[in-house]
Amino acid sequence: MGSRVKDAMKALALLPLAVLVVPARAQDLNLGPALNIGTLGVTLSQNAVTRSISKGGPTSTKRGSRSGGSAVPSASLLFKTSPAVRKRVVENFVKAATRSDPSTAPALRQTFAKSDPVNYMGGQLRKAGLNPASVADGMAVYLVQAWHATRGAVAKNPAEFRAVSRQIGQVLLETPGIARAKNETKQEIGESLMLYGGLFEDGVLAAKADPAQMTQLKSAVVKITRDTFGFDVAKLRLGANGFY
């Protein structure tokens, strides 16, 4: 990320916590007509993904049966990047982040027009051995950063992202709505979740010196993740094979 985008992301992290809660609601993320994050959250909360993560499925450390392997289990979870969709993802993110003060939106749009925040996050994913054009990897970034944020920390171990990507990816393949979704829908989901994962991380870093703000941040992240996916990420454990 260029310095302008880095400063913008840090500024977003300092916004009132209510701003973080509201945009993550399903109806506000607006991730596409075919399958938005609200639909995804309902689907995941009712099928094997939630069972795998919140109860310890076949990929969990509780079973200790799987480790290693590629982070992306199937090409059906990948998407081709479209500049038009990318623009929509960033615009939705800007609208959500500036909802409490729309007057700040033009400046943020200008900043992001000069330095693409999705490109930056994509670079961070590649450093961790992930694919920024993967729905599973975008979800992994979101969930792992959310989990650490509820503990007042940021993710530092790339293996955690890869493990959760394998865990999520395996079950997404059993969720036809994802694997068969339109390319633009996959891109909107993957890139939007990736951006929020980065926001969780920056929020923790910004709140390090303020215990009260950190407490608010933790609560906000729990609410966001529950509203999006249907389970309490703070109650999970994270091990070598993902969540359990």
C-alpha atoms as a PDB file:
ATOM      1  CA  MET A   1       0.000   0.000   0.000  1.00  0.00           C
ATOM      2  CA  GLY A   2       1.258   3.456  -0.750  1.00  0.00           C
ATOM      3  CA  SER A   3       1.503   5.855   2.151  1.00  0.00           C
ATOM      4  CA  ARG A   4      -1.779   7.508   1.136  1.00  0.00           C
ATOM      5  CA  VAL A   5      -3.742   4.267   1.308  1.00  0.00           C
ATOM      6  CA  LYS A   6      -2.004   3.209   4.509  1.00  0.00           C
ATOM      7  CA  ASP A   7      -2.957   6.520   6.134  1.00  0.00           C
ATOM      8  CA  ALA A   8      -6.514   6.195   4.850  1.00  0.00           C
ATOM      9  CA  MET A   9      -6.908   2.689   6.262  1.00  0.00           C
ATOM     10  CA  LYS A  10      -5.563   3.856   9.615  1.00  0.00           C
ATOM     11  CA  ALA A  11      -8.008   6.754   9.558  1.00  0.00           C
ATOM     12  CA  LEU A  12     -10.858   4.324   8.903  1.00  0.00           C
ATOM     13  CA  ALA A  13      -9.772   2.301  11.905  1.00  0.00           C
ATOM     14  CA  LEU A  14     -10.148   5.372  14.112  1.00  0.00           C
ATOM     15  CA  LEU A  15     -13.741   6.043  13.072  1.00  0.00           C
ATOM     16  CA  PRO A  16     -16.454   5.501  15.708  1.00  0.00           C
ATOM     17  CA  LEU A  17     -17.070   1.814  16.311  1.00  0.00           C
ATOM     18  CA  ALA A  18     -20.688   2.205  15.247  1.00  0.00           C
ATOM     19  CA  VAL A  19     -19.412   2.831  11.742  1.00  0.00           C
ATOM     20  CA  LEU A  20     -17.735  -0.564  11.777  1.00  0.00           C
ATOM     21  CA  VAL A  21     -20.838  -2.336  12.999  1.00  0.00           C
ATOM     22  CA  VAL A  22     -23.381  -0.902  10.590  1.00  0.00           C
ATOM     23  CA  PRO A  23     -21.638  -1.467   7.240  1.00  0.00           C
ATOM     24  CA  ALA A  24     -21.024  -5.114   7.985  1.00  0.00           C
ATOM     25  CA  ARG A  25     -24.734  -5.811   8.200  1.00  0.00           C
ATOM     26  CA  ALA A  26     -25.807  -8.017   5.342  1.00  0.00           C
ATOM     27  CA  GLN A  27     -28.084  -5.470   3.718  1.00  0.00           C
ATOM     28  CA  ASP A  28     -25.364  -2.809   3.651  1.00  0.00           C
ATOM     29  CA  LEU A  29     -22.473  -4.779   2.194  1.00  0.00           C
ATOM     30  CA  ASN A  30     -24.451  -5.141  -1.054  1.00  0.00           C
ATOM     31  CA  LEU A  31     -22.214  -7.775  -2.567  1.00  0.00           C
ATOM     32  CA  GLY A  32     -24.177  -8.357  -5.740  1.00  0.00           C
ATOM     33  CA  PRO A  33     -27.619  -9.362  -6.969  1.00  0.00           C
ATOM     34  CA  ALA A  34     -26.933 -13.093  -7.308  1.00  0.00           C
ATOM     35  CA  LEU A  35     -25.520 -13.827  -3.878  1.00  0.00           C
ATOM     36  CA  ASN A  36     -24.826 -11.159  -1.292  1.00  0.00           C
ATOM     37  CA  ILE A  37     -23.021 -11.609   1.983  1.00  0.00           C
ATOM     38  CA  GLY A  38     -26.329 -11.814   3.811  1.00  0.00           C
ATOM     39  CA  THR A  39     -27.388 -14.793   1.730  1.00  0.00           C
ATOM     40  CA  LEU A  40     -23.951 -16.264   2.242  1.00  0.00           C
ATOM     41  CA  GLY A  41     -24.172 -15.801   5.993  1.00  0.00           C
ATOM     42  CA  VAL A  42     -27.540 -17.527   6.162  1.00  0.00           C
ATOM     43  CA  THR A  43     -26.297 -20.377   3.993  1.00  0.00           C
ATOM     44  CA  LEU A  44     -23.119 -20.871   5.982  1.00  0.00           C
ATOM     45  CA  SER A  45     -24.913 -20.753   9.311  1.00  0.00           C
ATOM     46  CA  GLN A  46     -27.178 -23.596   8.192  1.00  0.00           C
ATOM     47  CA  ASN A  47     -24.690 -25.984   6.626  1.00  0.00           C
ATOM     48  CA  ALA A  48     -21.402 -27.731   7.145  1.00  0.00           C
ATOM     49  CA  VAL A  49     -19.247 -24.607   7.286  1.00  0.00           C
ATOM     50  CA  THR A  50     -20.641 -23.522  10.611  1.00  0.00           C
ATOM     51  CA  ARG A  51     -20.603 -27.092  11.897  1.00  0.00           C
ATOM     52  CA  SER A  52     -17.011 -27.503  10.763  1.00  0.00           C
ATOM     53  CA  ILE A  53     -15.841 -24.279  12.360  1.00  0.00           C
ATOM     54  CA  SER A  54     -17.909 -23.979  15.517  1.00  0.00           C
ATOM     55  CA  LYS A  55     -18.063 -27.674  16.446  1.00  0.00           C
ATOM     56  CA  GLY A  56     -14.854 -29.048  15.025  1.00  0.00           C
ATOM     57  CA  GLY A  57     -15.309 -30.841  11.723  1.00  0.00           C
ATOM     58  CA  PRO A  58     -13.018 -33.159   9.769  1.00  0.00           C
ATOM     59  CA  THR A  59     -10.502 -30.405   9.098  1.00  0.00           C
ATOM     60  CA  SER A  60     -10.204 -29.177  12.678  1.00  0.00           C
ATOM     61  CA  THR A  61      -7.323 -29.580  15.056  1.00  0.00           C
ATOM     62  CA  LYS A  62      -9.669 -31.393  17.387  1.00  0.00           C
ATOM     63  CA  ARG A  63      -9.553 -34.300  14.961  1.00  0.00           C
ATOM     64  CA  GLY A  64      -5.964 -33.621  14.004  1.00  0.00           C
ATOM     65  CA  SER A  65      -6.512 -35.361  10.695  1.00  0.00           C
ATOM     66  CA  ARG A  66      -5.415 -32.838   8.113  1.00  0.00           C
ATOM     67  CA  SER A  67      -2.640 -30.348   7.575  1.00  0.00           C
ATOM     68  CA  GLY A  68      -0.599 -29.027   4.686  1.00  0.00           C
ATOM     69  CA  GLY A  69      -1.899 -29.017   1.132  1.00  0.00           C
ATOM     70  CA  SER A  70      -2.760 -26.110  -1.112  1.00  0.00           C
ATOM     71  CA  ALA A  71      -4.651 -23.109   0.199  1.00  0.00           C
ATOM     72  CA  VAL A  72      -7.127 -23.158  -2.695  1.00  0.00           C
ATOM     73  CA  PRO A  73      -8.904 -26.503  -3.122  1.00  0.00           C
ATOM     74  CA  SER A  74     -10.610 -25.791  -6.458  1.00  0.00           C
ATOM     75  CA  ALA A  75     -10.605 -23.396  -9.394  1.00  0.00           C
ATOM     76  CA  SER A  76     -14.355 -22.968  -8.886  1.00  0.00           C
ATOM     77  CA  LEU A  77     -13.567 -20.742  -5.903  1.00  0.00           C
ATOM     78  CA  LEU A  78     -11.370 -18.444  -7.985  1.00  0.00           C
ATOM     79  CA  PHE A  79     -12.445 -15.368  -9.919  1.00  0.00           C
ATOM     80  CA  LYS A  80     -11.086 -13.195 -12.700  1.00  0.00           C
ATOM     81  CA  THR A  81     -10.586  -9.614 -11.584  1.00  0.00           C
ATOM     82  CA  SER A  82     -12.802  -7.037 -13.259  1.00  0.00           C
ATOM     83  CA  PRO A  83     -11.914  -3.319 -12.924  1.00  0.00           C
ATOM     84  CA  ALA A  84     -15.622  -2.453 -12.919  1.00  0.00           C
ATOM     85  CA  VAL A  85     -16.348  -4.839 -10.063  1.00  0.00           C
ATOM     86  CA  ARG A  86     -13.258  -3.630  -8.191  1.00  0.00           C
ATOM     87  CA  LYS A  87     -14.539  -0.068  -8.482  1.00  0.00           C
ATOM     88  CA  ARG A  88     -17.886  -1.161  -7.051  1.00  0.00           C
ATOM     89  CA  VAL A  89     -16.221  -2.991  -4.168  1.00  0.00           C
ATOM     90  CA  VAL A  90     -14.184   0.068  -3.207  1.00  0.00           C
ATOM     91  CA  GLU A  91     -17.165   2.406  -3.589  1.00  0.00           C
ATOM     92  CA  ASN A  92     -19.321   0.233  -1.331  1.00  0.00           C
ATOM     93  CA  PHE A  93     -16.487   0.168   1.189  1.00  0.00           C
ATOM     94  CA  VAL A  94     -16.168   3.970   1.094  1.00  0.00           C
ATOM     95  CA  LYS A  95     -19.915   4.447   1.541  1.00  0.00           C
ATOM     96  CA  ALA A  96     -19.962   2.088   4.501  1.00  0.00           C
ATOM     97  CA  ALA A  97     -16.907   3.617   6.151  1.00  0.00           C
ATOM     98  CA  THR A  98     -18.205   7.185   5.810  1.00  0.00           C
ATOM     99  CA  ARG A  99     -21.841   6.493   6.599  1.00  0.00           C
ATOM    100  CA  SER A 100     -21.783   8.520   9.809  1.00  0.00           C
ATOM    101  CA  ASP A 101     -20.140  11.477   8.037  1.00  0.00           C
ATOM    102  CA  PRO A 102     -20.741  11.402   4.257  1.00  0.00           C
ATOM    103  CA  SER A 103     -18.836  14.662   3.829  1.00  0.00           C
ATOM    104  CA  THR A 104     -15.586  12.715   4.234  1.00  0.00           C
ATOM    105  CA  ALA A 105     -16.379  10.367   1.342  1.00  0.00           C
ATOM    106  CA  PRO A 106     -14.953  12.514  -1.507  1.00  0.00           C
ATOM    107  CA  ALA A 107     -11.529  12.734   0.124  1.00  0.00           C
ATOM    108  CA  LEU A 108     -11.457   8.999   0.767  1.00  0.00           C
ATOM    109  CA  ARG A 109     -12.513   8.267  -2.812  1.00  0.00           C
ATOM    110  CA  GLN A 110      -9.721  10.486  -4.075  1.00  0.00           C
ATOM    111  CA  THR A 111      -7.194   8.680  -1.913  1.00  0.00           C
ATOM    112  CA  PHE A 112      -8.334   5.259  -3.048  1.00  0.00           C
ATOM    113  CA  ALA A 113      -8.375   6.398  -6.683  1.00  0.00           C
ATOM    114  CA  LYS A 114      -4.644   7.116  -6.415  1.00  0.00           C
ATOM    115  CA  SER A 115      -3.724   3.958  -4.519  1.00  0.00           C
ATOM    116  CA  ASP A 116      -6.009   0.926  -4.729  1.00  0.00           C
ATOM    117  CA  PRO A 117      -6.535  -0.621  -1.254  1.00  0.00           C
ATOM    118  CA  VAL A 118      -7.543  -3.958  -2.780  1.00  0.00           C
ATOM    119  CA  ASN A 119      -4.243  -4.135  -4.647  1.00  0.00           C
ATOM    120  CA  TYR A 120      -2.418  -3.535  -1.385  1.00  0.00           C
ATOM    121  CA  MET A 121      -4.355  -6.216   0.450  1.00  0.00           C
ATOM    122  CA  GLY A 122      -3.739  -8.545  -2.478  1.00  0.00           C
ATOM    123  CA  GLY A 123      -0.023  -8.031  -2.030  1.00  0.00           C
ATOM    124  CA  GLN A 124      -0.323  -8.892   1.643  1.00  0.00           C
ATOM    125  CA  LEU A 125      -2.183 -12.089   0.782  1.00  0.00           C
ATOM    126  CA  ARG A 126       0.493 -13.137  -1.674  1.00  0.00           C
ATOM    127  CA  LYS A 127       3.154 -12.675   1.002  1.00  0.00           C
ATOM    128  CA  ALA A 128       1.190 -15.131   3.140  1.00  0.00           C
ATOM    129  CA  GLY A 129       1.006 -17.644   0.308  1.00  0.00           C
ATOM    130  CA  LEU A 130      -2.637 -16.876  -0.478  1.00  0.00           C
ATOM    131  CA  ASN A 131      -4.426 -15.939  -3.681  1.00  0.00           C
ATOM    132  CA  PRO A 132      -6.252 -12.569  -3.664  1.00  0.00           C
ATOM    133  CA  ALA A 133      -8.493 -13.912  -6.446  1.00  0.00           C
ATOM    134  CA  SER A 134      -9.885 -16.668  -4.209  1.00  0.00           C
ATOM    135  CA  VAL A 135     -13.173 -16.470  -2.319  1.00  0.00           C
ATOM    136  CA  ALA A 136     -11.839 -18.930   0.256  1.00  0.00           C
ATOM    137  CA  ASP A 137      -8.719 -16.865   0.876  1.00  0.00           C
ATOM    138  CA  GLY A 138     -10.718 -13.638   1.205  1.00  0.00           C
ATOM    139  CA  MET A 139     -12.920 -15.299   3.816  1.00  0.00           C
ATOM    140  CA  ALA A 140      -9.882 -16.674   5.593  1.00  0.00           C
ATOM    141  CA  VAL A 141      -8.346 -13.210   5.917  1.00  0.00           C
ATOM    142  CA  TYR A 142     -11.612 -11.843   7.286  1.00  0.00           C
ATOM    143  CA  LEU A 143     -12.152 -14.612   9.815  1.00  0.00           C
ATOM    144  CA  VAL A 144      -8.565 -14.962  11.037  1.00  0.00           C
ATOM    145  CA  GLN A 145      -8.149 -11.209  11.510  1.00  0.00           C
ATOM    146  CA  ALA A 146     -11.551 -11.076  13.219  1.00  0.00           C
ATOM    147  CA  TRP A 147     -10.542 -13.881  15.580  1.00  0.00           C
ATOM    148  CA  HIS A 148      -7.311 -12.148  16.537  1.00  0.00           C
ATOM    149  CA  ALA A 149      -9.065  -8.775  16.864  1.00  0.00           C
ATOM    150  CA  THR A 150     -11.410 -10.214  19.496  1.00  0.00           C
ATOM    151  CA  ARG A 151      -8.243 -10.952  21.463  1.00  0.00           C
ATOM    152  CA  GLY A 152      -6.712  -7.525  20.922  1.00  0.00           C
ATOM    153  CA  ALA A 153      -4.101  -8.874  18.530  1.00  0.00           C
ATOM    154  CA  VAL A 154      -3.290  -9.128  14.828  1.00  0.00           C
ATOM    155  CA  ALA A 155      -2.517 -12.251  12.834  1.00  0.00           C
ATOM    156  CA  LYS A 156       1.203 -12.837  12.301  1.00  0.00           C
ATOM    157  CA  ASN A 157       1.354 -16.483  11.232  1.00  0.00           C
ATOM    158  CA  PRO A 158       0.652 -17.052   7.503  1.00  0.00           C
ATOM    159  CA  ALA A 159      -0.033 -20.724   8.232  1.00  0.00           C
ATOM    160  CA  GLU A 160      -3.222 -19.724  10.071  1.00  0.00           C
ATOM    161  CA  PHE A 161      -4.647 -18.078   6.962  1.00  0.00           C
ATOM    162  CA  ARG A 162      -3.762 -21.063   4.814  1.00  0.00           C
ATOM    163  CA  ALA A 163      -5.284 -23.530   7.277  1.00  0.00           C
ATOM    164  CA  VAL A 164      -8.557 -21.618   7.499  1.00  0.00           C
ATOM    165  CA  SER A 165      -8.643 -21.209   3.722  1.00  0.00           C
ATOM    166  CA  ARG A 166      -8.387 -24.985   3.313  1.00  0.00           C
ATOM    167  CA  GLN A 167     -11.049 -25.515   5.954  1.00  0.00           C
ATOM    168  CA  ILE A 168     -13.463 -22.981   4.466  1.00  0.00           C
ATOM    169  CA  GLY A 169     -12.665 -23.894   0.877  1.00  0.00           C
ATOM    170  CA  GLN A 170     -13.404 -27.568   1.406  1.00  0.00           C
ATOM    171  CA  VAL A 171     -16.903 -26.839   2.609  1.00  0.00           C
ATOM    172  CA  LEU A 172     -17.599 -24.013   0.151  1.00  0.00           C
ATOM    173  CA  LEU A 173     -17.264 -26.630  -2.557  1.00  0.00           C
ATOM    174  CA  GLU A 174     -20.221 -28.357  -0.918  1.00  0.00           C
ATOM    175  CA  THR A 175     -22.183 -25.084  -1.050  1.00  0.00           C
ATOM    176  CA  PRO A 176     -23.327 -24.820  -4.694  1.00  0.00           C
ATOM    177  CA  GLY A 177     -24.263 -21.158  -4.357  1.00  0.00           C
ATOM    178  CA  ILE A 178     -20.595 -20.236  -4.035  1.00  0.00           C
ATOM    179  CA  ALA A 179     -18.913 -22.553  -6.506  1.00  0.00           C
ATOM    180  CA  ARG A 180     -21.551 -21.838  -9.148  1.00  0.00           C
ATOM    181  CA  ALA A 181     -21.893 -18.113  -8.502  1.00  0.00           C
ATOM    182  CA  LYS A 182     -21.119 -15.601 -11.226  1.00  0.00           C
ATOM    183  CA  ASN A 183     -17.548 -14.393 -11.474  1.00  0.00           C
ATOM    184  CA  GLU A 184     -18.483 -10.870 -10.386  1.00  0.00           C
ATOM    185  CA  THR A 185     -20.266 -12.201  -7.309  1.00  0.00           C
ATOM    186  CA  LYS A 186     -17.210 -14.165  -6.232  1.00  0.00           C
ATOM    187  CA  GLN A 187     -15.033 -11.101  -6.730  1.00  0.00           C
ATOM    188  CA  GLU A 188     -17.337  -8.862  -4.708  1.00  0.00           C
ATOM    189  CA  ILE A 189     -17.472 -11.338  -1.835  1.00  0.00           C
ATOM    190  CA  GLY A 190     -13.761 -12.130  -1.802  1.00  0.00           C
ATOM    191  CA  GLU A 191     -12.482  -8.577  -2.157  1.00  0.00           C
ATOM    192  CA  SER A 192     -15.009  -7.041   0.246  1.00  0.00           C
ATOM    193  CA  LEU A 193     -14.194  -9.532   2.990  1.00  0.00           C
ATOM    194  CA  MET A 194     -10.492  -9.017   2.326  1.00  0.00           C
ATOM    195  CA  LEU A 195     -10.868  -5.259   2.846  1.00  0.00           C
ATOM    196  CA  TYR A 196     -12.724  -5.717   6.114  1.00  0.00           C
ATOM    197  CA  GLY A 197     -10.039  -8.120   7.273  1.00  0.00           C
ATOM    198  CA  GLY A 198      -7.498  -5.365   6.722  1.00  0.00           C
ATOM    199  CA  LEU A 199      -9.720  -2.926   8.581  1.00  0.00           C
ATOM    200  CA  PHE A 200      -9.923  -5.250  11.593  1.00  0.00           C
ATOM    201  CA  GLU A 201      -6.133  -5.423  11.700  1.00  0.00           C
ATOM    202  CA  ASP A 202      -5.696  -1.660  11.464  1.00  0.00           C
ATOM    203  CA  GLY A 203      -8.392  -1.161  14.084  1.00  0.00           C
ATOM    204  CA  VAL A 204      -6.437  -3.259  16.572  1.00  0.00           C
ATOM    205  CA  LEU A 205      -3.218  -1.398  15.859  1.00  0.00           C
ATOM    206  CA  ALA A 206      -4.965   1.947  16.283  1.00  0.00           C
ATOM    207  CA  ALA A 207      -6.542   0.910  19.602  1.00  0.00           C
ATOM    208  CA  LYS A 208      -3.424  -0.598  21.188  1.00  0.00           C
ATOM    209  CA  ALA A 209      -2.809   2.387  23.445  1.00  0.00           C
ATOM    210  CA  ASP A 210      -6.452   2.871  24.421  1.00  0.00           C
ATOM    211  CA  PRO A 211      -7.979   0.034  26.508  1.00  0.00           C
ATOM    212  CA  ALA A 212     -11.481   1.482  26.273  1.00  0.00           C
ATOM    213  CA  GLN A 213     -11.309   1.708  22.506  1.00  0.00           C
ATOM    214  CA  MET A 214      -9.915  -1.809  22.323  1.00  0.00           C
ATOM    215  CA  THR A 215     -12.844  -3.132  24.344  1.00  0.00           C
ATOM    216  CA  GLN A 216     -15.262  -1.427  21.977  1.00  0.00           C
ATOM    217  CA  LEU A 217     -13.404  -2.782  18.974  1.00  0.00           C
ATOM    218  CA  LYS A 218     -13.549  -6.355  20.256  1.00  0.00           C
ATOM    219  CA  SER A 219     -17.294  -6.111  20.803  1.00  0.00           C
ATOM    220  CA  ALA A 220     -17.813  -4.556  17.382  1.00  0.00           C
ATOM    221  CA  VAL A 221     -15.859  -7.287  15.604  1.00  0.00           C
ATOM    222  CA  VAL A 222     -17.837  -9.993  17.404  1.00  0.00           C
ATOM    223  CA  LYS A 223     -21.081  -8.343  16.303  1.00  0.00           C
ATOM    224  CA  ILE A 224     -19.913  -7.837  12.722  1.00  0.00           C
ATOM    225  CA  THR A 225     -18.826 -11.430  12.329  1.00  0.00           C
ATOM    226  CA  ARG A 226     -21.963 -12.815  13.945  1.00  0.00           C
ATOM    227  CA  ASP A 227     -24.163 -10.648  11.709  1.00  0.00           C
ATOM    228  CA  THR A 228     -22.224 -11.808   8.646  1.00  0.00           C
ATOM    229  CA  PHE A 229     -21.604 -15.499   9.297  1.00  0.00           C
ATOM    230  CA  GLY A 230     -23.968 -16.439  12.095  1.00  0.00           C
ATOM    231  CA  PHE A 231     -21.504 -17.566  14.772  1.00  0.00           C
ATOM    232  CA  ASP A 232     -19.434 -15.988  17.550  1.00  0.00           C
ATOM    233  CA  VAL A 233     -15.828 -15.966  16.366  1.00  0.00           C
ATOM    234  CA  ALA A 234     -14.594 -15.078  19.865  1.00  0.00           C
ATOM    235  CA  LYS A 235     -15.728 -18.467  21.171  1.00  0.00           C
ATOM    236  CA  LEU A 236     -13.695 -20.429  18.642  1.00  0.00           C
ATOM    237  CA  ARG A 237     -10.191 -21.796  18.953  1.00  0.00           C
ATOM    238  CA  LEU A 238      -7.620 -21.566  16.184  1.00  0.00           C
ATOM    239  CA  GLY A 239      -5.064 -24.281  15.575  1.00  0.00           C
ATOM    240  CA  ALA A 240      -2.835 -25.784  12.925  1.00  0.00           C
ATOM    241  CA  ASN A 241      -5.782 -27.077  10.898  1.00  0.00           C
ATOM    242  CA  GLY A 242      -8.069 -24.090  11.275  1.00  0.00           C
ATOM    243  CA  PHE A 243     -10.925 -23.253  13.631  1.00  0.00           C
ATOM    244  CA  TYR A 244     -12.451 -25.707  16.059  1.00  0.00           C
END
